[in-house]
Amino acid sequence: MRLWCSRWYFVFLNFVLLQSVMLPSVYAAEKFRKAQAIRPDVQIYSNASFDAKIIHYIKPGDFYYISNKTFGPFYKIKVSDKILGYVADTELNIQGVGAIQEKSFVDDPE
């Protein structure tokens, strides 16, 4: 009985270690995607707001890392090791997704 329990303990311990060590590394790659600008002089903002300070501009042809998570109509973008900012979702062509189409404005019903 004791040998049987120690085998199950060993199997359980290996299962827990596998999940805590191996699985996070698999999902870590999904935190970011690559994207490029769809037109010249795409604005990079300091915060996720069109009223925020413009800190940089990007151009088509170069790929940048963006977050999977959106912040309203913005993605967080890494332009370089020193420049992190926010870019409007409609300004990007995202690898595997394509360009995000602008949504039409709908007035509140009166």
PDB file of N, CA and C in Angstrom:
ATOM      1  N   MET A   1       0.831  -1.201   0.000  1.00  0.00           N
ATOM      2  CA  MET A   1       0.000   0.000   0.000  1.00  0.00           C
ATOM      3  C   MET A   1       0.870   1.259   0.000  1.00  0.00           C
ATOM      4  N   ARG A   2       1.921   1.214   0.782  1.00  0.00           N
ATOM      5  CA  ARG A   2       2.792   2.375   0.868  1.00  0.00           C
ATOM      6  C   ARG A   2       3.487   2.637  -0.470  1.00  0.00           C
ATOM      7  N   LEU A   3       3.922   1.578  -1.142  1.00  0.00           N
ATOM      8  CA  LEU A   3       4.563   1.711  -2.444  1.00  0.00           C
ATOM      9  C   LEU A   3       3.583   2.295  -3.469  1.00  0.00           C
ATOM     10  N   TRP A   4       2.335   1.867  -3.441  1.00  0.00           N
ATOM     11  CA  TRP A   4       1.308   2.375  -4.347  1.00  0.00           C
ATOM     12  C   TRP A   4       1.085   3.871  -4.132  1.00  0.00           C
ATOM     13  N   CYS A   5       1.031   4.297  -2.872  1.00  0.00           N
ATOM     14  CA  CYS A   5       0.827   5.718  -2.554  1.00  0.00           C
ATOM     15  C   CYS A   5       2.012   6.552  -3.012  1.00  0.00           C
ATOM     16  N   SER A   6       3.213   6.046  -2.828  1.00  0.00           N
ATOM     17  CA  SER A   6       4.387   6.822  -3.231  1.00  0.00           C
ATOM     18  C   SER A   6       4.461   6.954  -4.757  1.00  0.00           C
ATOM     19  N   ARG A   7       3.996   5.950  -5.491  1.00  0.00           N
ATOM     20  CA  ARG A   7       3.971   6.058  -6.955  1.00  0.00           C
ATOM     21  C   ARG A   7       2.980   7.130  -7.400  1.00  0.00           C
ATOM     22  N   TRP A   8       1.791   7.156  -6.798  1.00  0.00           N
ATOM     23  CA  TRP A   8       0.808   8.179  -7.152  1.00  0.00           C
ATOM     24  C   TRP A   8       1.292   9.570  -6.765  1.00  0.00           C
ATOM     25  N   TYR A   9       1.981   9.654  -5.646  1.00  0.00           N
ATOM     26  CA  TYR A   9       2.541  10.937  -5.228  1.00  0.00           C
ATOM     27  C   TYR A   9       3.567  11.406  -6.259  1.00  0.00           C
ATOM     28  N   PHE A  10       4.409  10.494  -6.725  1.00  0.00           N
ATOM     29  CA  PHE A  10       5.416  10.811  -7.733  1.00  0.00           C
ATOM     30  C   PHE A  10       4.756  11.267  -9.041  1.00  0.00           C
ATOM     31  N   VAL A  11       3.730  10.576  -9.484  1.00  0.00           N
ATOM     32  CA  VAL A  11       3.010  10.950 -10.706  1.00  0.00           C
ATOM     33  C   VAL A  11       2.349  12.318 -10.536  1.00  0.00           C
ATOM     34  N   PHE A  12       1.711  12.543  -9.404  1.00  0.00           N
ATOM     35  CA  PHE A  12       1.057  13.820  -9.131  1.00  0.00           C
ATOM     36  C   PHE A  12       2.077  14.957  -9.102  1.00  0.00           C
ATOM     37  N   LEU A  13       3.199  14.735  -8.452  1.00  0.00           N
ATOM     38  CA  LEU A  13       4.239  15.750  -8.357  1.00  0.00           C
ATOM     39  C   LEU A  13       4.786  16.097  -9.747  1.00  0.00           C
ATOM     40  N   ASN A  14       5.010  15.097 -10.571  1.00  0.00           N
ATOM     41  CA  ASN A  14       5.479  15.357 -11.939  1.00  0.00           C
ATOM     42  C   ASN A  14       4.444  16.131 -12.748  1.00  0.00           C
ATOM     43  N   PHE A  15       3.175  15.811 -12.579  1.00  0.00           N
ATOM     44  CA  PHE A  15       2.106  16.516 -13.278  1.00  0.00           C
ATOM     45  C   PHE A  15       2.080  17.991 -12.879  1.00  0.00           C
ATOM     46  N   VAL A  16       2.176  18.257 -11.599  1.00  0.00           N
ATOM     47  CA  VAL A  16       2.165  19.640 -11.105  1.00  0.00           C
ATOM     48  C   VAL A  16       3.384  20.395 -11.616  1.00  0.00           C
ATOM     49  N   LEU A  17       4.543  19.774 -11.563  1.00  0.00           N
ATOM     50  CA  LEU A  17       5.754  20.434 -12.054  1.00  0.00           C
ATOM     51  C   LEU A  17       5.678  20.704 -13.552  1.00  0.00           C
ATOM     52  N   LEU A  18       5.145  19.780 -14.302  1.00  0.00           N
ATOM     53  CA  LEU A  18       5.000  19.971 -15.740  1.00  0.00           C
ATOM     54  C   LEU A  18       4.117  21.178 -16.037  1.00  0.00           C
ATOM     55  N   GLN A  19       3.010  21.294 -15.334  1.00  0.00           N
ATOM     56  CA  GLN A  19       2.105  22.419 -15.575  1.00  0.00           C
ATOM     57  C   GLN A  19       2.717  23.741 -15.148  1.00  0.00           C
ATOM     58  N   SER A  20       3.449  23.758 -14.059  1.00  0.00           N
ATOM     59  CA  SER A  20       3.994  25.020 -13.571  1.00  0.00           C
ATOM     60  C   SER A  20       5.227  25.470 -14.340  1.00  0.00           C
ATOM     61  N   VAL A  21       5.943  24.545 -14.963  1.00  0.00           N
ATOM     62  CA  VAL A  21       7.165  24.901 -15.676  1.00  0.00           C
ATOM     63  C   VAL A  21       6.948  24.980 -17.182  1.00  0.00           C
ATOM     64  N   MET A  22       6.291  24.014 -17.754  1.00  0.00           N
ATOM     65  CA  MET A  22       6.185  23.927 -19.210  1.00  0.00           C
ATOM     66  C   MET A  22       5.049  24.761 -19.791  1.00  0.00           C
ATOM     67  N   LEU A  23       3.890  24.741 -19.200  1.00  0.00           N
ATOM     68  CA  LEU A  23       2.732  25.406 -19.801  1.00  0.00           C
ATOM     69  C   LEU A  23       2.855  26.923 -19.865  1.00  0.00           C
ATOM     70  N   PRO A  24       3.362  27.612 -18.830  1.00  0.00           N
ATOM     71  CA  PRO A  24       3.478  29.065 -18.966  1.00  0.00           C
ATOM     72  C   PRO A  24       4.370  29.490 -20.127  1.00  0.00           C
ATOM     73  N   SER A  25       5.408  28.719 -20.434  1.00  0.00           N
ATOM     74  CA  SER A  25       6.276  29.085 -21.549  1.00  0.00           C
ATOM     75  C   SER A  25       5.557  28.933 -22.887  1.00  0.00           C
ATOM     76  N   VAL A  26       4.624  28.012 -22.983  1.00  0.00           N
ATOM     77  CA  VAL A  26       3.847  27.846 -24.209  1.00  0.00           C
ATOM     78  C   VAL A  26       2.924  29.038 -24.404  1.00  0.00           C
ATOM     79  N   TYR A  27       2.273  29.487 -23.347  1.00  0.00           N
ATOM     80  CA  TYR A  27       1.327  30.594 -23.451  1.00  0.00           C
ATOM     81  C   TYR A  27       2.004  31.955 -23.465  1.00  0.00           C
ATOM     82  N   ALA A  28       3.261  32.046 -23.057  1.00  0.00           N
ATOM     83  CA  ALA A  28       3.965  33.326 -23.036  1.00  0.00           C
ATOM     84  C   ALA A  28       4.083  33.912 -24.437  1.00  0.00           C
ATOM     85  N   ALA A  29       4.221  33.083 -25.431  1.00  0.00           N
ATOM     86  CA  ALA A  29       4.352  33.571 -26.803  1.00  0.00           C
ATOM     87  C   ALA A  29       3.067  34.220 -27.291  1.00  0.00           C
ATOM     88  N   GLU A  30       1.950  33.936 -26.655  1.00  0.00           N
ATOM     89  CA  GLU A  30       0.671  34.477 -27.099  1.00  0.00           C
ATOM     90  C   GLU A  30       0.357  35.843 -26.509  1.00  0.00           C
ATOM     91  N   LYS A  31       1.240  36.403 -25.689  1.00  0.00           N
ATOM     92  CA  LYS A  31       0.976  37.710 -25.108  1.00  0.00           C
ATOM     93  C   LYS A  31       1.172  38.836 -26.119  1.00  0.00           C
ATOM     94  N   PHE A  32       1.966  38.571 -27.141  1.00  0.00           N
ATOM     95  CA  PHE A  32       2.273  39.590 -28.132  1.00  0.00           C
ATOM     96  C   PHE A  32       2.103  39.045 -29.538  1.00  0.00           C
ATOM     97  N   ARG A  33       1.812  39.949 -30.462  1.00  0.00           N
ATOM     98  CA  ARG A  33       1.732  39.632 -31.888  1.00  0.00           C
ATOM     99  C   ARG A  33       2.599  40.637 -32.636  1.00  0.00           C
ATOM    100  N   LYS A  34       2.806  40.379 -33.905  1.00  0.00           N
ATOM    101  CA  LYS A  34       3.536  41.331 -34.742  1.00  0.00           C
ATOM    102  C   LYS A  34       2.547  42.061 -35.637  1.00  0.00           C
ATOM    103  N   ALA A  35       2.851  43.329 -35.867  1.00  0.00           N
ATOM    104  CA  ALA A  35       2.000  44.147 -36.731  1.00  0.00           C
ATOM    105  C   ALA A  35       2.858  45.205 -37.404  1.00  0.00           C
ATOM    106  N   GLN A  36       2.318  45.746 -38.488  1.00  0.00           N
ATOM    107  CA  GLN A  36       2.986  46.863 -39.149  1.00  0.00           C
ATOM    108  C   GLN A  36       1.968  47.953 -39.446  1.00  0.00           C
ATOM    109  N   ALA A  37       2.478  49.154 -39.652  1.00  0.00           N
ATOM    110  CA  ALA A  37       1.618  50.296 -39.960  1.00  0.00           C
ATOM    111  C   ALA A  37       1.018  50.119 -41.350  1.00  0.00           C
ATOM    112  N   ILE A  38      -0.207  50.631 -41.543  1.00  0.00           N
ATOM    113  CA  ILE A  38      -0.848  50.513 -42.858  1.00  0.00           C
ATOM    114  C   ILE A  38      -0.653  51.763 -43.712  1.00  0.00           C
ATOM    115  N   ARG A  39      -0.091  52.807 -43.120  1.00  0.00           N
ATOM    116  CA  ARG A  39       0.163  54.042 -43.871  1.00  0.00           C
ATOM    117  C   ARG A  39       1.365  54.753 -43.246  1.00  0.00           C
ATOM    118  N   PRO A  40       1.935  55.734 -43.937  1.00  0.00           N
ATOM    119  CA  PRO A  40       3.072  56.469 -43.369  1.00  0.00           C
ATOM    120  C   PRO A  40       2.654  57.329 -42.173  1.00  0.00           C
ATOM    121  N   ASP A  41       3.582  57.562 -41.303  1.00  0.00           N
ATOM    122  CA  ASP A  41       3.416  58.466 -40.159  1.00  0.00           C
ATOM    123  C   ASP A  41       2.264  58.098 -39.227  1.00  0.00           C
ATOM    124  N   VAL A  42       2.193  56.843 -38.843  1.00  0.00           N
ATOM    125  CA  VAL A  42       1.207  56.410 -37.849  1.00  0.00           C
ATOM    126  C   VAL A  42       1.675  56.897 -36.479  1.00  0.00           C
ATOM    127  N   GLN A  43       0.778  57.514 -35.745  1.00  0.00           N
ATOM    128  CA  GLN A  43       1.117  58.133 -34.467  1.00  0.00           C
ATOM    129  C   GLN A  43       1.137  57.115 -33.331  1.00  0.00           C
ATOM    130  N   ILE A  44       2.161  57.234 -32.477  1.00  0.00           N
ATOM    131  CA  ILE A  44       2.275  56.435 -31.262  1.00  0.00           C
ATOM    132  C   ILE A  44       2.048  57.385 -30.092  1.00  0.00           C
ATOM    133  N   TYR A  45       1.096  57.039 -29.243  1.00  0.00           N
ATOM    134  CA  TYR A  45       0.702  57.894 -28.126  1.00  0.00           C
ATOM    135  C   TYR A  45       1.310  57.404 -26.815  1.00  0.00           C
ATOM    136  N   SER A  46       1.463  58.324 -25.864  1.00  0.00           N
ATOM    137  CA  SER A  46       2.014  57.967 -24.549  1.00  0.00           C
ATOM    138  C   SER A  46       1.010  57.195 -23.701  1.00  0.00           C
ATOM    139  N   ASN A  47      -0.271  57.411 -23.914  1.00  0.00           N
ATOM    140  CA  ASN A  47      -1.353  56.709 -23.210  1.00  0.00           C
ATOM    141  C   ASN A  47      -2.390  56.251 -24.231  1.00  0.00           C
ATOM    142  N   ALA A  48      -3.311  55.421 -23.790  1.00  0.00           N
ATOM    143  CA  ALA A  48      -4.361  54.911 -24.676  1.00  0.00           C
ATOM    144  C   ALA A  48      -5.465  55.950 -24.834  1.00  0.00           C
ATOM    145  N   SER A  49      -5.111  57.068 -25.456  1.00  0.00           N
ATOM    146  CA  SER A  49      -6.060  58.155 -25.665  1.00  0.00           C
ATOM    147  C   SER A  49      -5.599  58.984 -26.862  1.00  0.00           C
ATOM    148  N   PHE A  50      -6.553  59.426 -27.680  1.00  0.00           N
ATOM    149  CA  PHE A  50      -6.203  60.280 -28.806  1.00  0.00           C
ATOM    150  C   PHE A  50      -5.776  61.668 -28.343  1.00  0.00           C
ATOM    151  N   ASP A  51      -6.067  62.008 -27.099  1.00  0.00           N
ATOM    152  CA  ASP A  51      -5.651  63.292 -26.540  1.00  0.00           C
ATOM    153  C   ASP A  51      -4.269  63.231 -25.901  1.00  0.00           C
ATOM    154  N   ALA A  52      -3.672  62.049 -25.816  1.00  0.00           N
ATOM    155  CA  ALA A  52      -2.360  61.884 -25.187  1.00  0.00           C
ATOM    156  C   ALA A  52      -1.264  62.459 -26.086  1.00  0.00           C
ATOM    157  N   LYS A  53      -0.111  62.659 -25.491  1.00  0.00           N
ATOM    158  CA  LYS A  53       1.048  63.186 -26.208  1.00  0.00           C
ATOM    159  C   LYS A  53       1.526  62.165 -27.252  1.00  0.00           C
ATOM    160  N   ILE A  54       1.826  62.654 -28.446  1.00  0.00           N
ATOM    161  CA  ILE A  54       2.399  61.798 -29.494  1.00  0.00           C
ATOM    162  C   ILE A  54       3.891  61.689 -29.214  1.00  0.00           C
ATOM    163  N   ILE A  55       4.367  60.449 -29.046  1.00  0.00           N
ATOM    164  CA  ILE A  55       5.768  60.249 -28.675  1.00  0.00           C
ATOM    165  C   ILE A  55       6.631  59.715 -29.822  1.00  0.00           C
ATOM    166  N   HIS A  56       5.997  59.222 -30.881  1.00  0.00           N
ATOM    167  CA  HIS A  56       6.775  58.650 -31.984  1.00  0.00           C
ATOM    168  C   HIS A  56       5.856  58.442 -33.188  1.00  0.00           C
ATOM    169  N   TYR A  57       6.456  58.219 -34.343  1.00  0.00           N
ATOM    170  CA  TYR A  57       5.735  57.873 -35.563  1.00  0.00           C
ATOM    171  C   TYR A  57       6.348  56.597 -36.132  1.00  0.00           C
ATOM    172  N   ILE A  58       5.513  55.719 -36.716  1.00  0.00           N
ATOM    173  CA  ILE A  58       6.025  54.518 -37.381  1.00  0.00           C
ATOM    174  C   ILE A  58       5.565  54.514 -38.830  1.00  0.00           C
ATOM    175  N   LYS A  59       6.245  53.704 -39.641  1.00  0.00           N
ATOM    176  CA  LYS A  59       5.929  53.635 -41.071  1.00  0.00           C
ATOM    177  C   LYS A  59       5.723  52.188 -41.490  1.00  0.00           C
ATOM    178  N   PRO A  60       5.086  51.964 -42.639  1.00  0.00           N
ATOM    179  CA  PRO A  60       4.896  50.594 -43.128  1.00  0.00           C
ATOM    180  C   PRO A  60       6.237  49.936 -43.453  1.00  0.00           C
ATOM    181  N   GLY A  61       6.238  48.612 -43.426  1.00  0.00           N
ATOM    182  CA  GLY A  61       7.438  47.866 -43.777  1.00  0.00           C
ATOM    183  C   GLY A  61       8.180  47.309 -42.583  1.00  0.00           C
ATOM    184  N   ASP A  62       8.094  47.980 -41.452  1.00  0.00           N
ATOM    185  CA  ASP A  62       8.734  47.498 -40.226  1.00  0.00           C
ATOM    186  C   ASP A  62       7.686  46.816 -39.359  1.00  0.00           C
ATOM    187  N   PHE A  63       8.053  45.678 -38.778  1.00  0.00           N
ATOM    188  CA  PHE A  63       7.142  44.972 -37.881  1.00  0.00           C
ATOM    189  C   PHE A  63       7.450  45.336 -36.441  1.00  0.00           C
ATOM    190  N   TYR A  64       6.404  45.462 -35.647  1.00  0.00           N
ATOM    191  CA  TYR A  64       6.520  45.817 -34.234  1.00  0.00           C
ATOM    192  C   TYR A  64       5.712  44.822 -33.413  1.00  0.00           C
ATOM    193  N   TYR A  65       6.109  44.648 -32.156  1.00  0.00           N
ATOM    194  CA  TYR A  65       5.340  43.803 -31.250  1.00  0.00           C
ATOM    195  C   TYR A  65       4.202  44.618 -30.659  1.00  0.00           C
ATOM    196  N   ILE A  66       3.000  44.040 -30.686  1.00  0.00           N
ATOM    197  CA  ILE A  66       1.842  44.672 -30.057  1.00  0.00           C
ATOM    198  C   ILE A  66       1.224  43.678 -29.080  1.00  0.00           C
ATOM    199  N   SER A  67       0.471  44.199 -28.135  1.00  0.00           N
ATOM    200  CA  SER A  67      -0.193  43.346 -27.143  1.00  0.00           C
ATOM    201  C   SER A  67      -1.380  42.631 -27.774  1.00  0.00           C
ATOM    202  N   ASN A  68      -1.720  41.483 -27.232  1.00  0.00           N
ATOM    203  CA  ASN A  68      -2.962  40.812 -27.633  1.00  0.00           C
ATOM    204  C   ASN A  68      -4.156  41.542 -27.052  1.00  0.00           C
ATOM    205  N   LYS A  69      -3.964  42.110 -25.890  1.00  0.00           N
ATOM    206  CA  LYS A  69      -5.034  42.823 -25.194  1.00  0.00           C
ATOM    207  C   LYS A  69      -5.192  44.219 -25.797  1.00  0.00           C
ATOM    208  N   THR A  70      -6.436  44.630 -25.961  1.00  0.00           N
ATOM    209  CA  THR A  70      -6.690  45.990 -26.436  1.00  0.00           C
ATOM    210  C   THR A  70      -7.016  46.885 -25.252  1.00  0.00           C
ATOM    211  N   PHE A  71      -6.748  48.152 -25.437  1.00  0.00           N
ATOM    212  CA  PHE A  71      -7.046  49.176 -24.438  1.00  0.00           C
ATOM    213  C   PHE A  71      -7.986  50.162 -25.114  1.00  0.00           C
ATOM    214  N   GLY A  72      -9.278  49.821 -25.101  1.00  0.00           N
ATOM    215  CA  GLY A  72     -10.236  50.587 -25.895  1.00  0.00           C
ATOM    216  C   GLY A  72      -9.900  50.356 -27.361  1.00  0.00           C
ATOM    217  N   PRO A  73      -9.764  51.428 -28.153  1.00  0.00           N
ATOM    218  CA  PRO A  73      -9.403  51.250 -29.567  1.00  0.00           C
ATOM    219  C   PRO A  73      -7.888  51.246 -29.808  1.00  0.00           C
ATOM    220  N   PHE A  74      -7.092  50.901 -28.795  1.00  0.00           N
ATOM    221  CA  PHE A  74      -5.635  50.939 -28.894  1.00  0.00           C
ATOM    222  C   PHE A  74      -5.008  49.594 -28.567  1.00  0.00           C
ATOM    223  N   TYR A  75      -3.826  49.383 -29.144  1.00  0.00           N
ATOM    224  CA  TYR A  75      -2.940  48.291 -28.753  1.00  0.00           C
ATOM    225  C   TYR A  75      -1.698  48.911 -28.138  1.00  0.00           C
ATOM    226  N   LYS A  76      -1.125  48.236 -27.154  1.00  0.00           N
ATOM    227  CA  LYS A  76       0.176  48.649 -26.648  1.00  0.00           C
ATOM    228  C   LYS A  76       1.198  48.188 -27.677  1.00  0.00           C
ATOM    229  N   ILE A  77       2.186  49.025 -27.969  1.00  0.00           N
ATOM    230  CA  ILE A  77       3.176  48.718 -29.002  1.00  0.00           C
ATOM    231  C   ILE A  77       4.581  48.975 -28.479  1.00  0.00           C
ATOM    232  N   LYS A  78       5.495  48.085 -28.858  1.00  0.00           N
ATOM    233  CA  LYS A  78       6.910  48.259 -28.525  1.00  0.00           C
ATOM    234  C   LYS A  78       7.619  48.680 -29.803  1.00  0.00           C
ATOM    235  N   VAL A  79       7.994  49.949 -29.857  1.00  0.00           N
ATOM    236  CA  VAL A  79       8.676  50.485 -31.028  1.00  0.00           C
ATOM    237  C   VAL A  79      10.164  50.144 -30.964  1.00  0.00           C
ATOM    238  N   SER A  80      10.742  50.268 -29.778  1.00  0.00           N
ATOM    239  CA  SER A  80      12.142  49.914 -29.537  1.00  0.00           C
ATOM    240  C   SER A  80      12.274  49.574 -28.060  1.00  0.00           C
ATOM    241  N   ASP A  81      13.485  49.265 -27.628  1.00  0.00           N
ATOM    242  CA  ASP A  81      13.692  48.959 -26.211  1.00  0.00           C
ATOM    243  C   ASP A  81      13.361  50.154 -25.323  1.00  0.00           C
ATOM    244  N   LYS A  82      13.456  51.358 -25.871  1.00  0.00           N
ATOM    245  CA  LYS A  82      13.214  52.564 -25.079  1.00  0.00           C
ATOM    246  C   LYS A  82      11.850  53.202 -25.331  1.00  0.00           C
ATOM    247  N   ILE A  83      11.143  52.761 -26.367  1.00  0.00           N
ATOM    248  CA  ILE A  83       9.866  53.398 -26.714  1.00  0.00           C
ATOM    249  C   ILE A  83       8.725  52.388 -26.639  1.00  0.00           C
ATOM    250  N   LEU A  84       7.862  52.573 -25.642  1.00  0.00           N
ATOM    251  CA  LEU A  84       6.615  51.821 -25.495  1.00  0.00           C
ATOM    252  C   LEU A  84       5.482  52.824 -25.552  1.00  0.00           C
ATOM    253  N   GLY A  85       4.456  52.522 -26.309  1.00  0.00           N
ATOM    254  CA  GLY A  85       3.343  53.446 -26.408  1.00  0.00           C
ATOM    255  C   GLY A  85       2.076  52.733 -26.823  1.00  0.00           C
ATOM    256  N   TYR A  86       1.136  53.506 -27.348  1.00  0.00           N
ATOM    257  CA  TYR A  86      -0.159  52.981 -27.768  1.00  0.00           C
ATOM    258  C   TYR A  86      -0.436  53.444 -29.188  1.00  0.00           C
ATOM    259  N   VAL A  87      -1.030  52.550 -29.970  1.00  0.00           N
ATOM    260  CA  VAL A  87      -1.346  52.848 -31.359  1.00  0.00           C
ATOM    261  C   VAL A  87      -2.806  52.478 -31.613  1.00  0.00           C
ATOM    262  N   ALA A  88      -3.469  53.273 -32.438  1.00  0.00           N
ATOM    263  CA  ALA A  88      -4.874  53.006 -32.767  1.00  0.00           C
ATOM    264  C   ALA A  88      -4.985  51.695 -33.541  1.00  0.00           C
ATOM    265  N   ASP A  89      -6.000  50.911 -33.220  1.00  0.00           N
ATOM    266  CA  ASP A  89      -6.167  49.595 -33.854  1.00  0.00           C
ATOM    267  C   ASP A  89      -6.376  49.682 -35.364  1.00  0.00           C
ATOM    268  N   THR A  90      -6.981  50.757 -35.843  1.00  0.00           N
ATOM    269  CA  THR A  90      -7.263  50.889 -37.275  1.00  0.00           C
ATOM    270  C   THR A  90      -6.033  51.280 -38.086  1.00  0.00           C
ATOM    271  N   GLU A  91      -4.922  51.535 -37.421  1.00  0.00           N
ATOM    272  CA  GLU A  91      -3.686  51.933 -38.097  1.00  0.00           C
ATOM    273  C   GLU A  91      -2.746  50.760 -38.337  1.00  0.00           C
ATOM    274  N   LEU A  92      -3.188  49.535 -37.990  1.00  0.00           N
ATOM    275  CA  LEU A  92      -2.304  48.375 -38.029  1.00  0.00           C
ATOM    276  C   LEU A  92      -2.788  47.280 -38.963  1.00  0.00           C
ATOM    277  N   ASN A  93      -1.827  46.570 -39.520  1.00  0.00           N
ATOM    278  CA  ASN A  93      -2.070  45.319 -40.223  1.00  0.00           C
ATOM    279  C   ASN A  93      -1.428  44.247 -39.342  1.00  0.00           C
ATOM    280  N   ILE A  94      -2.251  43.466 -38.659  1.00  0.00           N
ATOM    281  CA  ILE A  94      -1.777  42.506 -37.669  1.00  0.00           C
ATOM    282  C   ILE A  94      -1.548  41.159 -38.337  1.00  0.00           C
ATOM    283  N   GLN A  95      -0.374  40.577 -38.094  1.00  0.00           N
ATOM    284  CA  GLN A  95      -0.052  39.270 -38.672  1.00  0.00           C
ATOM    285  C   GLN A  95      -1.075  38.239 -38.234  1.00  0.00           C
ATOM    286  N   GLY A  96      -1.638  37.527 -39.195  1.00  0.00           N
ATOM    287  CA  GLY A  96      -2.621  36.491 -38.911  1.00  0.00           C
ATOM    288  C   GLY A  96      -4.037  37.005 -38.741  1.00  0.00           C
ATOM    289  N   VAL A  97      -4.215  38.326 -38.665  1.00  0.00           N
ATOM    290  CA  VAL A  97      -5.540  38.925 -38.476  1.00  0.00           C
ATOM    291  C   VAL A  97      -5.890  39.833 -39.647  1.00  0.00           C
ATOM    292  N   GLY A  98      -4.941  40.645 -40.068  1.00  0.00           N
ATOM    293  CA  GLY A  98      -5.171  41.616 -41.129  1.00  0.00           C
ATOM    294  C   GLY A  98      -5.433  42.993 -40.557  1.00  0.00           C
ATOM    295  N   ALA A  99      -5.883  43.876 -41.400  1.00  0.00           N
ATOM    296  CA  ALA A  99      -6.173  45.245 -40.979  1.00  0.00           C
ATOM    297  C   ALA A  99      -7.528  45.299 -40.284  1.00  0.00           C
ATOM    298  N   ILE A 100      -7.606  46.097 -39.238  1.00  0.00           N
ATOM    299  CA  ILE A 100      -8.857  46.304 -38.504  1.00  0.00           C
ATOM    300  C   ILE A 100      -9.643  47.392 -39.228  1.00  0.00           C
ATOM    301  N   GLN A 101     -10.883  47.111 -39.544  1.00  0.00           N
ATOM    302  CA  GLN A 101     -11.723  48.082 -40.240  1.00  0.00           C
ATOM    303  C   GLN A 101     -12.306  49.076 -39.246  1.00  0.00           C
ATOM    304  N   GLU A 102     -12.348  50.328 -39.672  1.00  0.00           N
ATOM    305  CA  GLU A 102     -12.924  51.368 -38.836  1.00  0.00           C
ATOM    306  C   GLU A 102     -14.416  51.126 -38.667  1.00  0.00           C
ATOM    307  N   LYS A 103     -14.905  51.312 -37.449  1.00  0.00           N
ATOM    308  CA  LYS A 103     -16.332  51.125 -37.176  1.00  0.00           C
ATOM    309  C   LYS A 103     -17.050  52.450 -37.379  1.00  0.00           C
ATOM    310  N   SER A 104     -18.219  52.385 -37.972  1.00  0.00           N
ATOM    311  CA  SER A 104     -18.974  53.612 -38.182  1.00  0.00           C
ATOM    312  C   SER A 104     -19.556  54.097 -36.861  1.00  0.00           C
ATOM    313  N   PHE A 105     -19.676  55.407 -36.745  1.00  0.00           N
ATOM    314  CA  PHE A 105     -20.213  56.019 -35.536  1.00  0.00           C
ATOM    315  C   PHE A 105     -21.733  55.939 -35.579  1.00  0.00           C
ATOM    316  N   VAL A 106     -22.323  55.483 -34.503  1.00  0.00           N
ATOM    317  CA  VAL A 106     -23.776  55.377 -34.419  1.00  0.00           C
ATOM    318  C   VAL A 106     -24.254  56.356 -33.353  1.00  0.00           C
ATOM    319  N   ASP A 107     -25.143  57.271 -33.764  1.00  0.00           N
ATOM    320  CA  ASP A 107     -25.692  58.231 -32.800  1.00  0.00           C
ATOM    321  C   ASP A 107     -26.577  57.521 -31.792  1.00  0.00           C
ATOM    322  N   ASP A 108     -26.641  58.086 -30.608  1.00  0.00           N
ATOM    323  CA  ASP A 108     -27.553  57.552 -29.601  1.00  0.00           C
ATOM    324  C   ASP A 108     -28.986  57.813 -30.038  1.00  0.00           C
ATOM    325  N   PRO A 109     -29.852  56.815 -29.916  1.00  0.00           N
ATOM    326  CA  PRO A 109     -31.254  57.049 -30.292  1.00  0.00           C
ATOM    327  C   PRO A 109     -31.901  58.079 -29.368  1.00  0.00           C
ATOM    328  N   GLU A 110     -32.707  58.913 -29.939  1.00  0.00           N
ATOM    329  CA  GLU A 110     -33.366  59.951 -29.130  1.00  0.00           C
ATOM    330  C   GLU A 110     -34.778  59.578 -28.804  1.00  0.00           C
TER     331      GLU A 110
END
